[in-house]
C-alpha atoms as a PDB file:
ATOM      1  CA  MET A   1       0.000   0.000   0.000  1.00  0.00           C
ATOM      2  CA  GLY A   2       3.066   2.170   0.044  1.00  0.00           C
ATOM      3  CA  ASP A   3       3.059   3.116   3.724  1.00  0.00           C
ATOM      4  CA  GLY A   4       5.077   0.120   4.922  1.00  0.00           C
ATOM      5  CA  ARG A   5       2.173  -1.570   6.740  1.00  0.00           C
ATOM      6  CA  VAL A   6       0.929  -5.067   6.011  1.00  0.00           C
ATOM      7  CA  ALA A   7      -2.476  -5.339   4.349  1.00  0.00           C
ATOM      8  CA  MET A   8      -4.541  -8.481   3.880  1.00  0.00           C
ATOM      9  CA  ILE A   9      -5.738  -9.096   0.340  1.00  0.00           C
ATOM     10  CA  LEU A  10      -8.771 -11.368   0.130  1.00  0.00           C
ATOM     11  CA  ASP A  11      -9.782 -13.456  -2.866  1.00  0.00           C
ATOM     12  CA  ALA A  12     -13.555 -12.796  -2.847  1.00  0.00           C
ATOM     13  CA  ALA A  13     -14.259 -15.264  -5.666  1.00  0.00           C
ATOM     14  CA  GLY A  14     -12.234 -17.968  -3.896  1.00  0.00           C
ATOM     15  CA  ILE A  15     -14.055 -17.384  -0.597  1.00  0.00           C
ATOM     16  CA  ALA A  16     -17.446 -17.541  -2.355  1.00  0.00           C
ATOM     17  CA  SER A  17     -16.423 -20.760  -4.099  1.00  0.00           C
ATOM     18  CA  TYR A  18     -15.153 -22.302  -0.851  1.00  0.00           C
ATOM     19  CA  ALA A  19     -18.405 -21.353   0.933  1.00  0.00           C
ATOM     20  CA  GLN A  20     -20.381 -22.774  -2.022  1.00  0.00           C
ATOM     21  CA  LEU A  21     -22.200 -19.478  -2.580  1.00  0.00           C
ATOM     22  CA  ARG A  22     -24.158 -19.437  -5.818  1.00  0.00           C
ATOM     23  CA  PHE A  23     -24.890 -15.880  -6.818  1.00  0.00           C
ATOM     24  CA  GLY A  24     -26.298 -16.988 -10.164  1.00  0.00           C
ATOM     25  CA  GLU A  25     -29.110 -18.857  -8.384  1.00  0.00           C
ATOM     26  CA  ILE A  26     -29.892 -15.806  -6.262  1.00  0.00           C
ATOM     27  CA  GLU A  27     -29.968 -13.592  -9.343  1.00  0.00           C
ATOM     28  CA  ALA A  28     -32.215 -16.077 -11.188  1.00  0.00           C
ATOM     29  CA  GLU A  29     -34.616 -16.210  -8.227  1.00  0.00           C
ATOM     30  CA  GLU A  30     -34.675 -12.394  -8.080  1.00  0.00           C
ATOM     31  CA  ARG A  31     -35.465 -12.267 -11.825  1.00  0.00           C
ATOM     32  CA  ARG A  32     -38.340 -14.748 -11.306  1.00  0.00           C
ATOM     33  CA  ARG A  33     -39.634 -12.668  -8.403  1.00  0.00           C
ATOM     34  CA  GLN A  34     -39.494  -9.468 -10.475  1.00  0.00           C
ATOM     35  CA  GLU A  35     -41.330 -11.224 -13.330  1.00  0.00           C
ATOM     36  CA  ARG A  36     -44.069 -12.305 -10.898  1.00  0.00           C
ATOM     37  CA  ILE A  37     -44.367  -8.732  -9.605  1.00  0.00           C
ATOM     38  CA  SER A  38     -44.613  -7.390 -13.174  1.00  0.00           C
ATOM     39  CA  GLU A  39     -47.262  -9.992 -13.991  1.00  0.00           C
ATOM     40  CA  GLN A  40     -49.191  -9.044 -10.857  1.00  0.00           C
ATOM     41  CA  LYS A  41     -49.116  -5.360 -11.818  1.00  0.00           C
ATOM     42  CA  ARG A  42     -50.383  -6.172 -15.319  1.00  0.00           C
ATOM     43  CA  ASP A  43     -53.219  -8.207 -13.865  1.00  0.00           C
ATOM     44  CA  GLY A  44     -54.439  -5.727 -11.254  1.00  0.00           C
ATOM     45  CA  LEU A  45     -57.705  -7.588 -10.664  1.00  0.00           C
ATOM     46  CA  ARG A  46     -56.004 -10.384  -8.808  1.00  0.00           C
ATOM     47  CA  ALA A  47     -55.250 -10.281  -5.098  1.00  0.00           C
ATOM     48  CA  TRP A  48     -51.759 -11.695  -4.611  1.00  0.00           C
ATOM     49  CA  GLN A  49     -50.721 -12.778  -1.122  1.00  0.00           C
ATOM     50  CA  PRO A  50     -48.100 -15.035   0.380  1.00  0.00           C
ATOM     51  CA  ILE A  51     -49.621 -18.382   1.332  1.00  0.00           C
ATOM     52  CA  LEU A  52     -48.417 -21.389   3.293  1.00  0.00           C
ATOM     53  CA  ILE A  53     -48.813 -24.820   1.674  1.00  0.00           C
ATOM     54  CA  PHE A  54     -48.844 -27.877   3.939  1.00  0.00           C
ATOM     55  CA  ASN A  55     -49.950 -31.507   4.263  1.00  0.00           C
ATOM     56  CA  ASN A  56     -52.138 -33.365   6.655  1.00  0.00           C
ATOM     57  CA  ALA A  57     -51.864 -36.786   5.008  1.00  0.00           C
ATOM     58  CA  LEU A  58     -48.892 -37.014   2.656  1.00  0.00           C
ATOM     59  CA  ASN A  59     -50.982 -36.932  -0.529  1.00  0.00           C
ATOM     60  CA  GLU A  60     -53.387 -34.131   0.466  1.00  0.00           C
ATOM     61  CA  TYR A  61     -52.440 -30.467   0.108  1.00  0.00           C
ATOM     62  CA  PHE A  62     -53.822 -27.484   2.002  1.00  0.00           C
ATOM     63  CA  ALA A  63     -53.119 -23.761   2.126  1.00  0.00           C
ATOM     64  CA  LEU A  64     -53.644 -20.717   4.316  1.00  0.00           C
ATOM     65  CA  PRO A  65     -52.764 -17.080   3.647  1.00  0.00           C
ATOM     66  CA  LEU A  66     -49.726 -16.162   5.762  1.00  0.00           C
ATOM     67  CA  ALA A  67     -51.552 -13.013   6.882  1.00  0.00           C
ATOM     68  CA  GLY A  68     -54.064 -15.286   8.647  1.00  0.00           C
ATOM     69  CA  ILE A  69     -51.402 -17.149  10.631  1.00  0.00           C
ATOM     70  CA  SER A  70     -50.289 -15.898  14.023  1.00  0.00           C
ATOM     71  CA  ARG A  71     -47.569 -18.492  14.719  1.00  0.00           C
ATOM     72  CA  LEU A  72     -46.077 -21.664  13.313  1.00  0.00           C
ATOM     73  CA  GLU A  73     -44.414 -24.139  15.678  1.00  0.00           C
ATOM     74  CA  ARG A  74     -42.530 -27.395  15.105  1.00  0.00           C
ATOM     75  CA  ILE A  75     -43.179 -29.997  17.797  1.00  0.00           C
ATOM     76  CA  GLU A  76     -42.568 -33.645  18.580  1.00  0.00           C
ATOM     77  CA  PRO A  77     -45.731 -35.800  18.775  1.00  0.00           C
ATOM     78  CA  ARG A  78     -44.900 -36.754  22.377  1.00  0.00           C
ATOM     79  CA  MET A  79     -45.452 -33.097  23.397  1.00  0.00           C
ATOM     80  CA  ILE A  80     -49.199 -33.418  22.738  1.00  0.00           C
ATOM     81  CA  GLU A  81     -51.263 -34.016  25.891  1.00  0.00           C
ATOM     82  CA  ARG A  82     -54.593 -35.844  25.701  1.00  0.00           C
ATOM     83  CA  VAL A  83     -57.680 -35.599  27.880  1.00  0.00           C
ATOM     84  CA  GLY A  84     -60.348 -37.926  26.532  1.00  0.00           C
ATOM     85  CA  GLU A  85     -60.676 -37.186  22.818  1.00  0.00           C
ATOM     86  CA  GLN A  86     -59.292 -33.649  23.101  1.00  0.00           C
ATOM     87  CA  GLU A  87     -55.617 -32.823  22.523  1.00  0.00           C
ATOM     88  CA  PHE A  88     -53.647 -29.938  24.015  1.00  0.00           C
ATOM     89  CA  LEU A  89     -50.192 -28.423  23.853  1.00  0.00           C
ATOM     90  CA  PHE A  90     -48.492 -26.634  26.748  1.00  0.00           C
ATOM     91  CA  TYR A  91     -47.583 -23.445  24.908  1.00  0.00           C
ATOM     92  CA  HIS A  92     -45.996 -20.289  26.352  1.00  0.00           C
ATOM     93  CA  ASN A  93     -47.185 -21.042  29.901  1.00  0.00           C
ATOM     94  CA  ASP A  94     -50.716 -21.666  28.684  1.00  0.00           C
ATOM     95  CA  VAL A  95     -52.779 -24.581  27.390  1.00  0.00           C
ATOM     96  CA  LEU A  96     -53.435 -24.525  23.637  1.00  0.00           C
ATOM     97  CA  PRO A  97     -56.353 -26.681  22.384  1.00  0.00           C
ATOM     98  CA  LEU A  98     -55.401 -28.548  19.203  1.00  0.00           C
ATOM     99  CA  ILE A  99     -57.485 -29.240  16.102  1.00  0.00           C
ATOM    100  CA  ARG A 100     -56.994 -32.430  14.099  1.00  0.00           C
ATOM    101  CA  LEU A 101     -58.320 -31.580  10.658  1.00  0.00           C
ATOM    102  CA  GLU A 102     -59.476 -35.145   9.978  1.00  0.00           C
ATOM    103  CA  LYS A 103     -61.878 -34.931  12.944  1.00  0.00           C
ATOM    104  CA  LEU A 104     -63.651 -31.902  11.446  1.00  0.00           C
ATOM    105  CA  LEU A 105     -63.210 -32.289   7.685  1.00  0.00           C
ATOM    106  CA  PRO A 106     -63.648 -35.171   5.223  1.00  0.00           C
ATOM    107  CA  ILE A 107     -59.889 -35.736   4.756  1.00  0.00           C
ATOM    108  CA  SER A 108     -57.297 -38.429   5.499  1.00  0.00           C
ATOM    109  CA  PRO A 109     -55.638 -38.555   8.942  1.00  0.00           C
ATOM    110  CA  LEU A 110     -52.134 -37.510   9.905  1.00  0.00           C
ATOM    111  CA  PRO A 111     -49.480 -40.200   9.424  1.00  0.00           C
ATOM    112  CA  GLU A 112     -49.131 -42.162  12.670  1.00  0.00           C
ATOM    113  CA  ASP A 113     -45.357 -42.541  12.335  1.00  0.00           C
ATOM    114  CA  ALA A 114     -44.552 -38.805  12.082  1.00  0.00           C
ATOM    115  CA  LYS A 115     -41.384 -37.881  13.983  1.00  0.00           C
ATOM    116  CA  GLU A 116     -42.307 -34.198  13.968  1.00  0.00           C
ATOM    117  CA  LEU A 117     -45.499 -32.235  13.536  1.00  0.00           C
ATOM    118  CA  PHE A 118     -46.292 -28.587  12.993  1.00  0.00           C
ATOM    119  CA  ILE A 119     -48.820 -26.451  14.801  1.00  0.00           C
ATOM    120  CA  ILE A 120     -50.390 -23.581  12.869  1.00  0.00           C
ATOM    121  CA  ILE A 121     -51.911 -20.991  15.184  1.00  0.00           C
ATOM    122  CA  PRO A 122     -54.371 -18.983  13.078  1.00  0.00           C
ATOM    123  CA  LYS A 123     -55.572 -15.443  13.670  1.00  0.00           C
ATOM    124  CA  THR A 124     -59.321 -15.580  14.216  1.00  0.00           C
ATOM    125  CA  ALA A 125     -62.016 -12.947  14.711  1.00  0.00           C
ATOM    126  CA  SER A 126     -63.320 -14.848  17.740  1.00  0.00           C
ATOM    127  CA  HIS A 127     -59.889 -14.507  19.377  1.00  0.00           C
ATOM    128  CA  SER A 128     -60.102 -18.174  20.375  1.00  0.00           C
ATOM    129  CA  MET A 129     -56.510 -19.366  20.381  1.00  0.00           C
ATOM    130  CA  VAL A 130     -56.245 -22.858  18.912  1.00  0.00           C
ATOM    131  CA  GLY A 131     -53.588 -24.795  17.061  1.00  0.00           C
ATOM    132  CA  ILE A 132     -54.081 -26.808  13.883  1.00  0.00           C
ATOM    133  CA  ILE A 133     -51.923 -29.957  13.740  1.00  0.00           C
ATOM    134  CA  VAL A 134     -50.334 -30.645  10.321  1.00  0.00           C
ATOM    135  CA  SER A 135     -47.717 -33.152   9.203  1.00  0.00           C
ATOM    136  CA  ARG A 136     -45.468 -31.123   6.866  1.00  0.00           C
ATOM    137  CA  ILE A 137     -44.864 -27.547   5.806  1.00  0.00           C
ATOM    138  CA  LEU A 138     -44.154 -27.646   2.082  1.00  0.00           C
ATOM    139  CA  ASP A 139     -43.698 -24.076   0.873  1.00  0.00           C
ATOM    140  CA  ALA A 140     -44.602 -20.420   1.193  1.00  0.00           C
ATOM    141  CA  ILE A 141     -45.439 -18.832  -2.164  1.00  0.00           C
ATOM    142  CA  ASP A 142     -47.249 -15.825  -3.610  1.00  0.00           C
ATOM    143  CA  SER A 143     -50.624 -16.750  -5.040  1.00  0.00           C
ATOM    144  CA  ASP A 144     -53.814 -15.214  -6.365  1.00  0.00           C
ATOM    145  CA  VAL A 145     -56.275 -15.413  -3.482  1.00  0.00           C
ATOM    146  CA  SER A 146     -59.031 -13.190  -4.904  1.00  0.00           C
ATOM    147  CA  PHE A 147     -61.485 -16.108  -4.674  1.00  0.00           C
ATOM    148  CA  LEU A 148     -61.113 -16.112  -0.870  1.00  0.00           C
ATOM    149  CA  SER A 149     -63.276 -13.005  -0.525  1.00  0.00           C
ATOM    150  CA  LEU A 150     -66.384 -14.805  -1.807  1.00  0.00           C
ATOM    151  CA  LYS A 151     -67.417 -18.339  -0.985  1.00  0.00           C
ATOM    152  CA  THR A 152     -69.960 -18.899  -3.735  1.00  0.00           C
ATOM    153  CA  ASP A 153     -69.788 -22.630  -4.439  1.00  0.00           C
ATOM    154  CA  ALA A 154     -72.453 -24.442  -2.424  1.00  0.00           C
ATOM    155  CA  ASN A 155     -70.570 -27.717  -2.977  1.00  0.00           C
ATOM    156  CA  ILE A 156     -67.637 -26.585  -0.834  1.00  0.00           C
ATOM    157  CA  ALA A 157     -67.772 -28.229   2.592  1.00  0.00           C
ATOM    158  CA  GLN A 158     -67.738 -26.113   5.730  1.00  0.00           C
ATOM    159  CA  GLY A 159     -64.149 -25.399   6.738  1.00  0.00           C
ATOM    160  CA  PHE A 160     -62.934 -24.840   3.157  1.00  0.00           C
ATOM    161  CA  TRP A 161     -62.764 -21.653   1.041  1.00  0.00           C
ATOM    162  CA  GLY A 162     -62.052 -23.319  -2.260  1.00  0.00           C
ATOM    163  CA  SER A 163     -59.337 -25.090  -4.200  1.00  0.00           C
ATOM    164  CA  VAL A 164     -56.595 -24.322  -6.714  1.00  0.00           C
ATOM    165  CA  ILE A 165     -53.856 -26.257  -8.500  1.00  0.00           C
ATOM    166  CA  PHE A 166     -50.307 -25.652  -7.220  1.00  0.00           C
ATOM    167  CA  ASN A 167     -47.390 -27.585  -8.699  1.00  0.00           C
ATOM    168  CA  ASP A 168     -49.783 -30.128 -10.247  1.00  0.00           C
ATOM    169  CA  HIS A 169     -51.496 -30.820  -6.900  1.00  0.00           C
ATOM    170  CA  LEU A 170     -55.073 -30.025  -5.962  1.00  0.00           C
ATOM    171  CA  THR A 171     -54.704 -27.707  -2.962  1.00  0.00           C
ATOM    172  CA  PHE A 172     -57.575 -26.755  -0.649  1.00  0.00           C
ATOM    173  CA  PHE A 173     -57.675 -23.395   1.114  1.00  0.00           C
ATOM    174  CA  LEU A 174     -58.919 -23.736   4.674  1.00  0.00           C
ATOM    175  CA  ASN A 175     -61.367 -21.312   6.274  1.00  0.00           C
ATOM    176  CA  THR A 176     -59.983 -20.944   9.803  1.00  0.00           C
ATOM    177  CA  GLU A 177     -63.035 -19.060  11.100  1.00  0.00           C
ATOM    178  CA  GLU A 178     -65.297 -21.962  10.131  1.00  0.00           C
ATOM    179  CA  LEU A 179     -62.780 -24.497  11.462  1.00  0.00           C
ATOM    180  CA  VAL A 180     -62.703 -22.812  14.869  1.00  0.00           C
ATOM    181  CA  GLU A 181     -66.506 -22.623  14.834  1.00  0.00           C
ATOM    182  CA  LEU A 182     -66.752 -26.368  14.028  1.00  0.00           C
ATOM    183  CA  PHE A 183     -64.163 -27.133  16.702  1.00  0.00           C
ATOM    184  CA  GLU A 184     -66.031 -25.155  19.370  1.00  0.00           C
ATOM    185  CA  LYS A 185     -69.329 -26.879  18.437  1.00  0.00           C
ATOM    186  CA  ASN A 186     -67.585 -30.264  18.694  1.00  0.00           C
ATOM    187  CA  ILE A 187     -66.315 -29.473  22.191  1.00  0.00           C
ATOM    188  CA  LYS A 188     -69.772 -28.432  23.407  1.00  0.00           C
ATOM    189  CA  THR A 189     -71.445 -31.638  22.182  1.00  0.00           C
END
């Protein structure tokens, strides 16, 4: 450097290679994201939101808008407490009632051999804090959710908003308000 002091010269490309950083993949993902944003702006009628895609049974796909989720927790099945038919989780110094989707909806049950489960704690207007037990979290993506504002199909069962195709899989959007309502009715009977 000309002043007689020692200076460290780093090989940025070598460090990135050693750390297996792939800037090309990041740039490609950013381009895809920008293309989605441009597409969304062109199609202003659609309501794009981030959504969470998950499984109950391995071959059944469900979704919830991320804006409707308060918390997401990973747990071990042994952490679930049972009193009769009802299940609970000791959560933040409180007792969280748990919903098994297959007990309220016409869907397949959770896999019995799951080593980990996930609890989705939805935001609800009733302020009833409950957790929904699911087997796997698959992805969080941006999606058109404009159909969620109107539930017009009489053939849709209570607890569902509707369905869409994501990655070649039929994916059902859950209606958490109706799920909590069904759950509370189930407890009272």
